[in-house]
Structures are given as structure tokens and as C-alpha cells.
Amino acid sequence: MLRCDLQDLTLLLPSTYKAELFKHHHNVLSVQVLLNIHNNEVVVGIALTEESLHRRNITHFGPTTLRSTLAYGMLRLCDPQPTDIIVDPMCGTGAIPIEGAMEWPGCFHIAGDNNPQAVKRAASNICSLLKKNENKGSASLGVPLDIVQWDICNLPLRTGSVDVIVTDMPFGKRIGSKKKNWDLYPACLMEMGRICTPGTGRAVLLTQDKKCFAKALSRLGHIWRKNHTVWVNVGGLHAAVYLLKRTWERVEEKRSFW
């Protein structure tokens, strides 16, 4: 993290950014700047708010609640398009689908979890968000989001009906175990491959159990292709966000839930 004089910083910025910067920092002599340098790419981040945004939209927390900022980054990585159906099959307290519904209202978001307590917390977070919007006086009919209790290995969704899957998979530490992940990960990837649209579907998956994930992905290479990996820090743990592309391989249809 670097600290520099605001006047010096504005010499390096376009006029549109200068106006925004002075609007937020007109009474401050210095500003925080984060430089992220990777190979030949430099990403510059400037703090525009005094309060961290990593807990925005979340009021009810669970043991592994994902930071809202990381949830947003995962969603952006999959490049959501209007009318896309985006599913988080292991939503926990709902950080990913809530962030998606707020930032990509043109998509429809479906989330679920097998833990009834997690589903309850996610529903409470949505209610708190709607109440906050009402207090701000914003006219809204709600959010394009449904939350369901389900089994990740037997989802009540039609084959090939989902455009995007974004989820935080169990690390095997606070929830589950590394041993259970060896059975869970292949089953999850298979079921996610079934509901995802062949050829155009994509998935963004976060996990710290990289060895288990790599093994599961190698077994299902006919369904998923890895396009990109982003390394992230999650509570001090070195985790990875994987961007996967759905192949054209068909997956056997399960019994209809409709």
C-alpha cells in the first residue's frame, strides 16, 4: 500500500477520475493507492470510501461467509450477460447471489444450500437488503433472486438450463473435511455440468482444496475445460478461483422435477 499527495496523484489521472477523486477526498491530504503488478499488467486501486465494502449487503453471517468484494470479482470474471440464469448451488449466507442480483439485475439468480440454517441466513440477508432499499426511498419491486434448500448432487433443475454457475466450494476446514471433498468435488462438477448449457455455459468456482479440485477436474475433462485461474487470499488461506468453460459433451438427463 502506498501513500501519496493527492495533488501529485491527480497529475497521473484523466480529468474524469480527478473529479471523482476530489469529490471523495476534498478534505484529505493523502489517499491510499493499491498497485497490483502481475507480469506486464498493472492494476491501480484508489480508496473512494472510508469504510470497507467487504461486508456490504450482508447482515447475517455464517462460519464461512464470503467477502462481498470477492463475490463481485467472481461474478465479473464470468462476464454475465442480460437474461443469463446464474446459479450458486452452495450459496451459504448468499453473498454471491445477493451481489449478483444487485449488480446484474438483468440476469436471474438462483441460489441454494443443503443446510437449512444457511438458507435461513441467506433469506434474512435478502429481507434486510430490501428493507434498507425501502428506507432509502428507492422504488423497487424486489430483487431477481430465489433461494432454495436442495442437494448439490441432485439439483432440481433441468439439464442444460443454466448459463452460469458461481459458487464458493467447501474448503474442508470449517465445513466438511478434506476426505469428504474427494467424493464431493467430482459429484458436484458432474451435476453442475449436467445443468449447465453445453458449449456456452461457464462456471467460476472458489476453493482452497486445490489438489482435490485438480484431480476431480481431470476426471471430468470431457465436460469442463479450465480457461483461467486467479489466486486469492481468503482469511489467510491461499485459495484459487477457477474459470471453467462447459464443453459440448452431453450429460445424461436425470428424472424430471417438473
Protein backbone atom coordinates (compact mmCIF):
# COMPACT_ATOMS: atom_id res chain seq x y z
CA MET A 1 0.00 0.00 0.00
CA LEU A 2 1.39 3.38 -1.00
CA ARG A 3 0.50 6.82 0.28
CA CYS A 4 0.99 9.86 -1.90
CA ASP A 5 -0.01 13.50 -2.07
CA LEU A 6 -3.43 13.95 -3.69
CA GLN A 7 -2.23 16.81 -5.88
CA ASP A 8 0.63 14.69 -7.26
CA LEU A 9 -1.69 11.77 -7.90
CA THR A 10 -4.11 13.80 -10.00
CA LEU A 11 -1.32 14.63 -12.43
CA LEU A 12 -1.35 10.98 -13.48
CA LEU A 13 -5.13 10.64 -13.86
CA PRO A 14 -7.61 11.59 -16.62
CA SER A 15 -9.93 14.52 -15.86
CA THR A 16 -12.95 12.27 -15.27
CA TYR A 17 -11.14 10.47 -12.45
CA LYS A 18 -9.86 13.72 -10.98
CA ALA A 19 -13.40 14.99 -10.41
CA GLU A 20 -14.45 11.74 -8.71
CA LEU A 21 -11.33 11.69 -6.58
CA PHE A 22 -11.75 15.26 -5.32
CA LYS A 23 -15.43 14.60 -4.62
CA HIS A 24 -14.48 11.87 -2.15
CA HIS A 25 -11.22 13.29 -0.81
CA HIS A 26 -11.61 17.08 -0.86
CA ASN A 27 -10.75 17.33 2.86
CA VAL A 28 -7.97 14.75 2.86
CA LEU A 29 -4.29 15.46 2.25
CA SER A 30 -3.36 11.96 1.17
CA VAL A 31 -5.05 8.98 -0.40
CA GLN A 32 -4.49 5.22 -0.31
CA VAL A 33 -3.40 3.66 -3.59
CA LEU A 34 -3.06 -0.08 -4.18
CA LEU A 35 -0.79 -1.23 -7.01
CA ASN A 36 -1.19 -4.83 -8.16
CA ILE A 37 1.61 -5.73 -10.58
CA HIS A 38 1.45 -9.06 -12.43
CA ASN A 39 3.78 -9.71 -15.36
CA ASN A 40 3.15 -6.86 -17.84
CA GLU A 41 -0.13 -5.74 -16.27
CA VAL A 42 -0.61 -3.09 -13.57
CA VAL A 43 -3.93 -2.59 -11.76
CA VAL A 44 -4.28 0.64 -9.76
CA GLY A 45 -6.86 0.83 -6.97
CA ILE A 46 -7.85 4.07 -5.23
CA ALA A 47 -9.83 4.14 -1.97
CA LEU A 48 -13.04 6.13 -2.50
CA THR A 49 -14.80 5.21 0.74
CA GLU A 50 -13.73 5.44 4.38
CA GLU A 51 -15.46 2.16 5.24
CA SER A 52 -14.54 -1.19 3.74
CA LEU A 53 -17.09 -2.64 1.31
CA HIS A 54 -16.35 -6.29 2.04
CA ARG A 55 -19.48 -6.64 4.22
CA ARG A 56 -21.90 -4.66 2.10
CA ASN A 57 -25.38 -6.19 1.73
CA ILE A 58 -24.64 -8.82 4.42
CA THR A 59 -26.10 -8.60 7.93
CA HIS A 60 -26.44 -12.28 8.92
CA PHE A 61 -23.11 -14.14 8.87
CA GLY A 62 -22.21 -17.80 8.90
CA PRO A 63 -18.94 -19.61 9.71
CA THR A 64 -17.58 -19.14 6.15
CA THR A 65 -19.37 -16.06 4.79
CA LEU A 66 -17.62 -14.86 1.62
CA ARG A 67 -16.49 -11.24 1.32
CA SER A 68 -18.85 -9.27 -0.91
CA THR A 69 -15.89 -7.79 -2.78
CA LEU A 70 -14.60 -11.27 -3.67
CA ALA A 71 -18.12 -12.36 -4.63
CA TYR A 72 -18.33 -9.42 -7.04
CA GLY A 73 -14.96 -10.27 -8.57
CA MET A 74 -16.02 -13.88 -9.15
CA LEU A 75 -19.24 -12.79 -10.83
CA ARG A 76 -17.45 -10.29 -13.03
CA LEU A 77 -14.98 -12.98 -14.10
CA CYS A 78 -17.80 -14.98 -15.73
CA ASP A 79 -18.98 -11.92 -17.71
CA PRO A 80 -22.77 -12.12 -17.05
CA GLN A 81 -24.99 -11.14 -19.96
CA PRO A 82 -28.60 -9.85 -19.81
CA THR A 83 -31.15 -12.68 -19.34
CA ASP A 84 -28.47 -15.12 -18.14
CA ILE A 85 -29.57 -17.61 -15.49
CA ILE A 86 -26.89 -17.64 -12.79
CA VAL A 87 -26.87 -20.35 -10.12
CA ASP A 88 -24.96 -20.64 -6.85
CA PRO A 89 -25.60 -24.25 -5.75
CA MET A 90 -23.72 -23.85 -2.44
CA CYS A 91 -24.72 -20.31 -1.51
CA GLY A 92 -24.17 -20.32 2.26
CA THR A 93 -25.39 -16.94 3.54
CA GLY A 94 -25.98 -15.71 -0.01
CA ALA A 95 -23.06 -13.33 -0.60
CA ILE A 96 -22.64 -14.30 -4.27
CA PRO A 97 -26.31 -14.32 -5.42
CA ILE A 98 -27.10 -11.13 -3.47
CA GLU A 99 -24.13 -9.34 -5.01
CA GLY A 100 -25.18 -10.65 -8.42
CA ALA A 101 -28.79 -9.52 -8.04
CA MET A 102 -27.67 -6.03 -7.01
CA GLU A 103 -25.02 -5.54 -9.70
CA TRP A 104 -26.54 -7.58 -12.56
CA PRO A 105 -30.32 -7.09 -12.20
CA GLY A 106 -30.80 -8.03 -15.86
CA CYS A 107 -29.92 -11.64 -15.00
CA PHE A 108 -31.96 -14.07 -12.94
CA HIS A 109 -30.19 -15.55 -9.92
CA ILE A 110 -30.98 -18.87 -8.24
CA ALA A 111 -29.23 -19.98 -5.07
CA GLY A 112 -29.46 -22.96 -2.77
CA ASP A 113 -27.78 -24.88 0.00
CA ASN A 114 -28.33 -28.20 1.76
CA ASN A 115 -28.03 -26.56 5.19
CA PRO A 116 -31.39 -25.15 6.36
CA GLN A 117 -29.63 -22.67 8.66
CA ALA A 118 -27.62 -21.30 5.73
CA VAL A 119 -30.78 -20.90 3.64
CA LYS A 120 -32.44 -19.10 6.54
CA ARG A 121 -29.49 -16.69 6.87
CA ALA A 122 -29.49 -16.02 3.14
CA ALA A 123 -33.22 -15.25 3.21
CA SER A 124 -32.66 -12.91 6.16
CA ASN A 125 -29.93 -11.09 4.24
CA ILE A 126 -32.31 -10.55 1.33
CA CYS A 127 -35.00 -9.21 3.66
CA SER A 128 -32.50 -6.83 5.27
CA LEU A 129 -31.41 -5.63 1.85
CA LEU A 130 -34.98 -4.98 0.73
CA LYS A 131 -35.71 -3.13 3.96
CA LYS A 132 -32.60 -0.99 3.51
CA ASN A 133 -33.68 -0.10 -0.02
CA GLU A 134 -37.13 0.86 1.26
CA ASN A 135 -35.60 3.12 3.92
CA LYS A 136 -33.55 4.84 1.22
CA GLY A 137 -36.76 5.51 -0.67
CA SER A 138 -35.69 3.61 -3.77
CA ALA A 139 -38.64 2.32 -5.74
CA SER A 140 -38.04 -1.40 -6.19
CA LEU A 141 -40.23 -4.42 -6.79
CA GLY A 142 -37.65 -6.70 -5.20
CA VAL A 143 -34.55 -8.48 -6.45
CA PRO A 144 -34.27 -11.08 -9.27
CA LEU A 145 -33.29 -13.84 -6.87
CA ASP A 146 -34.73 -17.08 -5.48
CA ILE A 147 -33.22 -19.19 -2.69
CA VAL A 148 -33.99 -22.90 -2.26
CA GLN A 149 -32.88 -25.71 0.02
CA TRP A 150 -31.50 -28.55 -2.10
CA ASP A 151 -28.89 -31.25 -2.55
CA ILE A 152 -25.89 -30.13 -4.63
CA CYS A 153 -25.55 -33.63 -6.10
CA ASN A 154 -29.22 -33.82 -7.14
CA LEU A 155 -30.32 -30.34 -8.19
CA PRO A 156 -34.00 -29.76 -9.10
CA LEU A 157 -33.02 -28.02 -12.35
CA ARG A 158 -33.43 -29.13 -15.94
CA THR A 159 -30.43 -30.38 -17.89
CA GLY A 160 -28.72 -27.61 -19.85
CA SER A 161 -30.94 -24.87 -18.38
CA VAL A 162 -28.28 -22.76 -16.64
CA ASP A 163 -25.92 -20.23 -18.27
CA VAL A 164 -23.52 -19.52 -15.40
CA ILE A 165 -22.54 -21.23 -12.14
CA VAL A 166 -20.68 -19.24 -9.48
CA THR A 167 -20.00 -20.76 -6.09
CA ASP A 168 -17.67 -20.99 -3.10
CA MET A 169 -16.91 -24.69 -2.65
CA PRO A 170 -16.24 -26.16 0.82
CA PHE A 171 -12.55 -25.97 1.73
CA GLY A 172 -12.80 -28.93 4.06
CA LYS A 173 -11.75 -26.92 7.12
CA ARG A 174 -14.61 -25.14 8.92
CA ILE A 175 -17.23 -27.02 6.91
CA GLY A 176 -16.88 -30.62 5.78
CA SER A 177 -13.47 -32.26 5.54
CA LYS A 178 -10.69 -32.81 3.02
CA LYS A 179 -11.57 -36.51 2.98
CA LYS A 180 -15.21 -35.83 2.11
CA ASN A 181 -14.14 -33.45 -0.68
CA TRP A 182 -12.63 -36.34 -2.64
CA ASP A 183 -16.15 -37.70 -3.16
CA LEU A 184 -17.99 -34.37 -3.11
CA TYR A 185 -15.98 -32.45 -5.73
CA PRO A 186 -16.38 -34.95 -8.62
CA ALA A 187 -20.09 -35.33 -7.86
CA CYS A 188 -20.54 -31.54 -7.75
CA LEU A 189 -18.72 -30.97 -11.02
CA MET A 190 -20.75 -33.69 -12.70
CA GLU A 191 -24.07 -32.28 -11.53
CA MET A 192 -23.05 -28.72 -12.38
CA GLY A 193 -22.04 -29.97 -15.82
CA ARG A 194 -25.48 -31.50 -16.26
CA ILE A 195 -27.42 -28.31 -15.58
CA CYS A 196 -25.00 -26.01 -17.44
CA THR A 197 -25.63 -25.21 -21.13
CA PRO A 198 -23.21 -27.19 -23.36
CA GLY A 199 -20.83 -25.08 -25.42
CA THR A 200 -21.69 -21.68 -23.92
CA GLY A 201 -22.04 -22.35 -20.20
CA ARG A 202 -19.31 -21.33 -17.78
CA ALA A 203 -18.50 -21.75 -14.12
CA VAL A 204 -16.46 -19.74 -11.63
CA LEU A 205 -15.50 -21.84 -8.62
CA LEU A 206 -13.55 -20.88 -5.50
CA THR A 207 -11.68 -23.46 -3.43
CA GLN A 208 -8.64 -23.81 -1.23
CA ASP A 209 -8.54 -27.59 -1.70
CA LYS A 210 -6.65 -27.23 -4.98
CA LYS A 211 -5.25 -30.77 -5.11
CA CYS A 212 -8.66 -32.37 -4.77
CA PHE A 213 -10.18 -29.97 -7.30
CA ALA A 214 -7.45 -30.62 -9.86
CA LYS A 215 -7.98 -34.38 -9.54
CA ALA A 216 -11.75 -34.06 -9.90
CA LEU A 217 -11.39 -31.77 -12.91
CA SER A 218 -9.01 -34.18 -14.63
CA ARG A 219 -11.63 -36.92 -14.30
CA LEU A 220 -14.26 -34.67 -15.89
CA GLY A 221 -12.20 -33.11 -18.65
CA HIS A 222 -14.80 -34.18 -21.19
CA ILE A 223 -17.33 -31.84 -19.51
CA TRP A 224 -15.25 -28.92 -18.22
CA ARG A 225 -12.26 -27.05 -19.64
CA LYS A 226 -10.20 -24.76 -17.41
CA ASN A 227 -9.76 -21.33 -19.02
CA HIS A 228 -8.18 -19.25 -16.27
CA THR A 229 -7.04 -19.34 -12.64
CA VAL A 230 -6.93 -16.38 -10.24
CA TRP A 231 -5.11 -16.76 -6.92
CA VAL A 232 -6.80 -15.10 -3.93
CA ASN A 233 -6.32 -14.76 -0.19
CA VAL A 234 -9.32 -15.93 1.83
CA GLY A 235 -8.85 -15.33 5.54
CA GLY A 236 -5.13 -16.04 5.28
CA LEU A 237 -5.65 -19.16 3.15
CA HIS A 238 -4.12 -19.37 -0.34
CA ALA A 239 -7.14 -20.20 -2.50
CA ALA A 240 -7.90 -20.27 -6.20
CA VAL A 241 -10.77 -19.05 -8.36
CA TYR A 242 -11.18 -21.25 -11.44
CA LEU A 243 -12.95 -20.11 -14.61
CA LEU A 244 -14.29 -23.17 -16.40
CA LYS A 245 -15.93 -23.47 -19.81
CA ARG A 246 -18.60 -26.09 -20.49
CA THR A 247 -17.76 -28.39 -23.41
CA TRP A 248 -20.28 -29.62 -25.99
CA GLU A 249 -20.35 -33.06 -24.37
CA ARG A 250 -23.87 -34.08 -23.41
CA VAL A 251 -24.64 -35.33 -19.90
CA GLU A 252 -27.30 -37.94 -19.23
CA GLU A 253 -30.70 -36.45 -18.36
CA LYS A 254 -31.99 -37.15 -14.88
CA ARG A 255 -35.59 -37.65 -13.92
CA SER A 256 -37.72 -34.54 -14.32
CA PHE A 257 -38.58 -32.47 -11.27
CA TRP A 258 -41.29 -30.55 -13.16
